[in-house]
Amino acid sequence: MKLNAIAVANYIIDLAAQNEKELKQFGLMKRVYLTHGFCLATLDRGALDPRFDVVEAWKNGPCIPSVYHSFKYNGNDSIKEKAVIVHFNTKRGEVEIETPELLDVEIKDIANRVWKRYIDFSDKDLVELLHRKGTPWELCYVEGQNRPIPDLYTKTFYQKVLDYEYDKK
């Protein structure tokens, strides 16, 4: 399976299960976005497939619609199951069900670091963090519109986060 936001989300669900941590839709969404941001900043490539995945500035922060729609059925309940993708094989006339899996080792490493860094953040904490002044979300958000957040904004912001942390050492 090619890299996409659902594969990253499924990997984060695995991390939550391994750590026996409750994971809800907001927390999942924000951690997928943070993984994408730190990938852009450190690897110079994102964790999303630009053909299918876009980051938008929604009321409650950065949102990846493909992740939102894949997990919205959970509502405010804990996420217990990974998302699947259903394909129709026209040659065989069969339905195929695939569970997207994150195979990229570098992105897994960054997802692990994001998980550890934000493991004790509540959904509310993550929303507040991503709503701060100067964040990519804050630069793009317009009430009532789901405007795209350009990867360049996200990359630049997370490069500054990493530079700041490096300078503190």
Protein backbone atom coordinates (compact mmCIF):
# COMPACT_ATOMS: atom_id res chain seq x y z
CA MET A 1 0.00 0.00 0.00
CA LYS A 2 1.25 3.44 -0.85
CA LEU A 3 1.83 6.00 1.87
CA ASN A 4 -1.27 7.93 2.86
CA ALA A 5 -2.93 9.56 5.85
CA ILE A 6 -4.97 6.44 6.65
CA ALA A 7 -1.81 4.33 6.89
CA VAL A 8 -0.31 6.89 9.30
CA ALA A 9 -3.56 6.96 11.31
CA ASN A 10 -3.64 3.15 11.54
CA TYR A 11 -0.05 3.16 12.78
CA ILE A 12 -0.91 5.70 15.48
CA ILE A 13 -3.85 3.49 16.50
CA ASP A 14 -1.34 0.65 16.94
CA LEU A 15 0.87 2.91 19.11
CA ALA A 16 -2.12 3.83 21.30
CA ALA A 17 -3.02 0.15 21.74
CA GLN A 18 0.58 -0.78 22.58
CA ASN A 19 0.68 1.97 25.23
CA GLU A 20 -2.86 1.24 26.47
CA LYS A 21 -3.84 4.85 25.81
CA GLU A 22 -7.29 5.98 24.83
CA LEU A 23 -7.37 7.58 21.40
CA LYS A 24 -10.27 9.59 20.04
CA GLN A 25 -10.83 11.19 16.68
CA PHE A 26 -9.42 14.64 17.55
CA GLY A 27 -6.28 13.16 19.09
CA LEU A 28 -5.76 10.87 16.13
CA MET A 29 -6.26 13.66 13.60
CA LYS A 30 -3.88 16.03 15.35
CA ARG A 31 -1.17 13.38 15.70
CA VAL A 32 -1.39 12.49 12.00
CA TYR A 33 -1.00 16.21 11.19
CA LEU A 34 1.94 16.59 13.61
CA THR A 35 3.63 13.55 12.05
CA HIS A 36 3.16 15.12 8.63
CA GLY A 37 4.58 18.43 9.85
CA PHE A 38 7.68 16.91 11.40
CA CYS A 39 8.22 14.76 8.28
CA LEU A 40 8.13 17.87 6.11
CA ALA A 41 10.59 19.59 8.44
CA THR A 42 13.07 16.73 8.83
CA LEU A 43 12.74 14.58 5.71
CA ASP A 44 11.71 17.29 3.23
CA ARG A 45 8.73 15.13 2.31
CA GLY A 46 5.34 14.67 3.86
CA ALA A 47 3.54 11.72 5.38
CA LEU A 48 0.49 12.14 3.16
CA ASP A 49 -0.37 11.29 -0.43
CA PRO A 50 -1.08 14.62 -2.14
CA ARG A 51 -3.40 12.87 -4.61
CA PHE A 52 -5.84 11.94 -1.85
CA ASP A 53 -4.85 13.75 1.32
CA VAL A 54 -5.05 17.47 1.94
CA VAL A 55 -4.74 19.39 5.19
CA GLU A 56 -7.46 21.96 5.74
CA ALA A 57 -8.02 24.64 8.38
CA TRP A 58 -11.27 23.62 10.09
CA LYS A 59 -12.81 25.21 13.17
CA ASN A 60 -11.11 22.76 15.53
CA GLY A 61 -7.69 22.94 13.91
CA PRO A 62 -5.90 21.23 11.06
CA CYS A 63 -8.04 18.49 9.54
CA ILE A 64 -7.24 15.80 7.00
CA PRO A 65 -10.65 15.01 5.48
CA SER A 66 -9.68 11.45 4.51
CA VAL A 67 -8.89 10.71 8.17
CA TYR A 68 -11.96 12.54 9.43
CA HIS A 69 -14.32 10.63 7.13
CA SER A 70 -12.65 7.29 7.87
CA PHE A 71 -13.10 7.66 11.65
CA LYS A 72 -16.11 9.96 12.12
CA TYR A 73 -18.36 7.00 12.90
CA ASN A 74 -16.54 6.78 16.25
CA GLY A 75 -17.99 10.12 17.30
CA ASN A 76 -16.46 10.95 20.66
CA ASP A 77 -15.85 7.29 21.52
CA SER A 78 -12.43 5.67 21.70
CA ILE A 79 -11.07 4.34 18.44
CA LYS A 80 -10.62 0.58 18.68
CA GLU A 81 -10.34 -0.47 15.04
CA LYS A 82 -8.19 0.56 12.13
CA ALA A 83 -9.68 2.00 8.97
CA VAL A 84 -9.95 -0.11 5.83
CA ILE A 85 -10.19 0.81 2.19
CA VAL A 86 -12.62 -1.02 -0.07
CA HIS A 87 -11.66 -1.52 -3.72
CA PHE A 88 -13.75 -3.01 -6.48
CA ASN A 89 -11.66 -5.19 -8.76
CA THR A 90 -13.37 -4.72 -12.11
CA LYS A 91 -11.36 -7.48 -13.80
CA ARG A 92 -12.50 -10.12 -11.31
CA GLY A 93 -15.75 -8.47 -10.27
CA GLU A 94 -14.76 -8.76 -6.63
CA VAL A 95 -14.64 -6.44 -3.67
CA GLU A 96 -11.24 -6.26 -2.00
CA ILE A 97 -10.73 -4.92 1.52
CA GLU A 98 -7.34 -3.53 2.42
CA THR A 99 -6.06 -2.24 5.75
CA PRO A 100 -3.57 0.55 4.97
CA GLU A 101 -0.27 -0.10 6.69
CA LEU A 102 2.60 2.32 7.25
CA LEU A 103 5.71 0.69 5.80
CA ASP A 104 8.04 3.70 5.46
CA VAL A 105 10.65 3.28 8.22
CA GLU A 106 11.58 6.97 8.39
CA ILE A 107 7.98 8.08 8.75
CA LYS A 108 7.37 5.35 11.35
CA ASP A 109 10.31 6.75 13.32
CA ILE A 110 8.85 10.25 13.22
CA ALA A 111 5.38 8.95 14.13
CA ASN A 112 6.97 7.18 17.13
CA ARG A 113 8.66 10.41 18.19
CA VAL A 114 5.44 12.39 17.79
CA TRP A 115 3.58 9.77 19.80
CA LYS A 116 6.13 9.93 22.65
CA ARG A 117 6.27 13.72 22.59
CA TYR A 118 2.49 14.17 22.77
CA ILE A 119 1.47 10.98 24.56
CA ASP A 120 0.04 12.80 27.58
CA PHE A 121 -1.64 15.60 25.64
CA SER A 122 -5.42 15.54 25.77
CA ASP A 123 -7.45 16.27 22.66
CA LYS A 124 -8.13 19.73 24.10
CA ASP A 125 -4.39 20.30 24.67
CA LEU A 126 -3.66 19.37 21.05
CA VAL A 127 -6.38 21.66 19.71
CA GLU A 128 -4.99 24.54 21.82
CA LEU A 129 -1.43 23.79 20.70
CA LEU A 130 -2.38 23.87 17.03
CA HIS A 131 -4.49 27.04 17.45
CA ARG A 132 -1.64 29.17 18.76
CA LYS A 133 -0.71 32.43 17.11
CA GLY A 134 1.58 31.94 14.13
CA THR A 135 0.63 28.30 13.50
CA PRO A 136 -0.20 27.23 9.95
CA TRP A 137 -3.82 26.77 11.04
CA GLU A 138 -4.01 30.31 12.43
CA LEU A 139 -2.57 31.72 9.20
CA CYS A 140 -5.15 29.91 7.04
CA TYR A 141 -8.32 29.67 9.09
CA VAL A 142 -11.35 31.64 7.93
CA GLU A 143 -14.59 30.96 9.78
CA GLY A 144 -17.02 28.91 7.73
CA GLN A 145 -14.41 27.86 5.17
CA ASN A 146 -12.25 24.74 5.06
CA ARG A 147 -9.24 26.35 3.44
CA PRO A 148 -6.16 24.27 2.55
CA ILE A 149 -3.06 24.64 4.71
CA PRO A 150 -0.10 24.65 2.30
CA ASP A 151 2.67 22.18 3.09
CA LEU A 152 5.14 25.05 2.82
CA TYR A 153 3.51 26.76 5.83
CA THR A 154 3.57 23.53 7.80
CA LYS A 155 7.17 22.70 6.85
CA THR A 156 8.42 26.19 7.72
CA PHE A 157 6.60 26.19 11.06
CA TYR A 158 7.95 22.80 12.17
CA GLN A 159 11.46 23.65 11.01
CA LYS A 160 11.25 26.63 13.38
CA VAL A 161 9.98 24.40 16.19
CA LEU A 162 12.96 22.08 15.70
CA ASP A 163 15.43 24.98 15.38
CA TYR A 164 14.10 26.47 18.62
CA GLU A 165 14.50 23.17 20.43
CA TYR A 166 17.99 22.69 19.02
CA ASP A 167 19.01 26.19 20.15
CA LYS A 168 17.73 25.47 23.68
CA LYS A 169 20.15 22.55 24.07
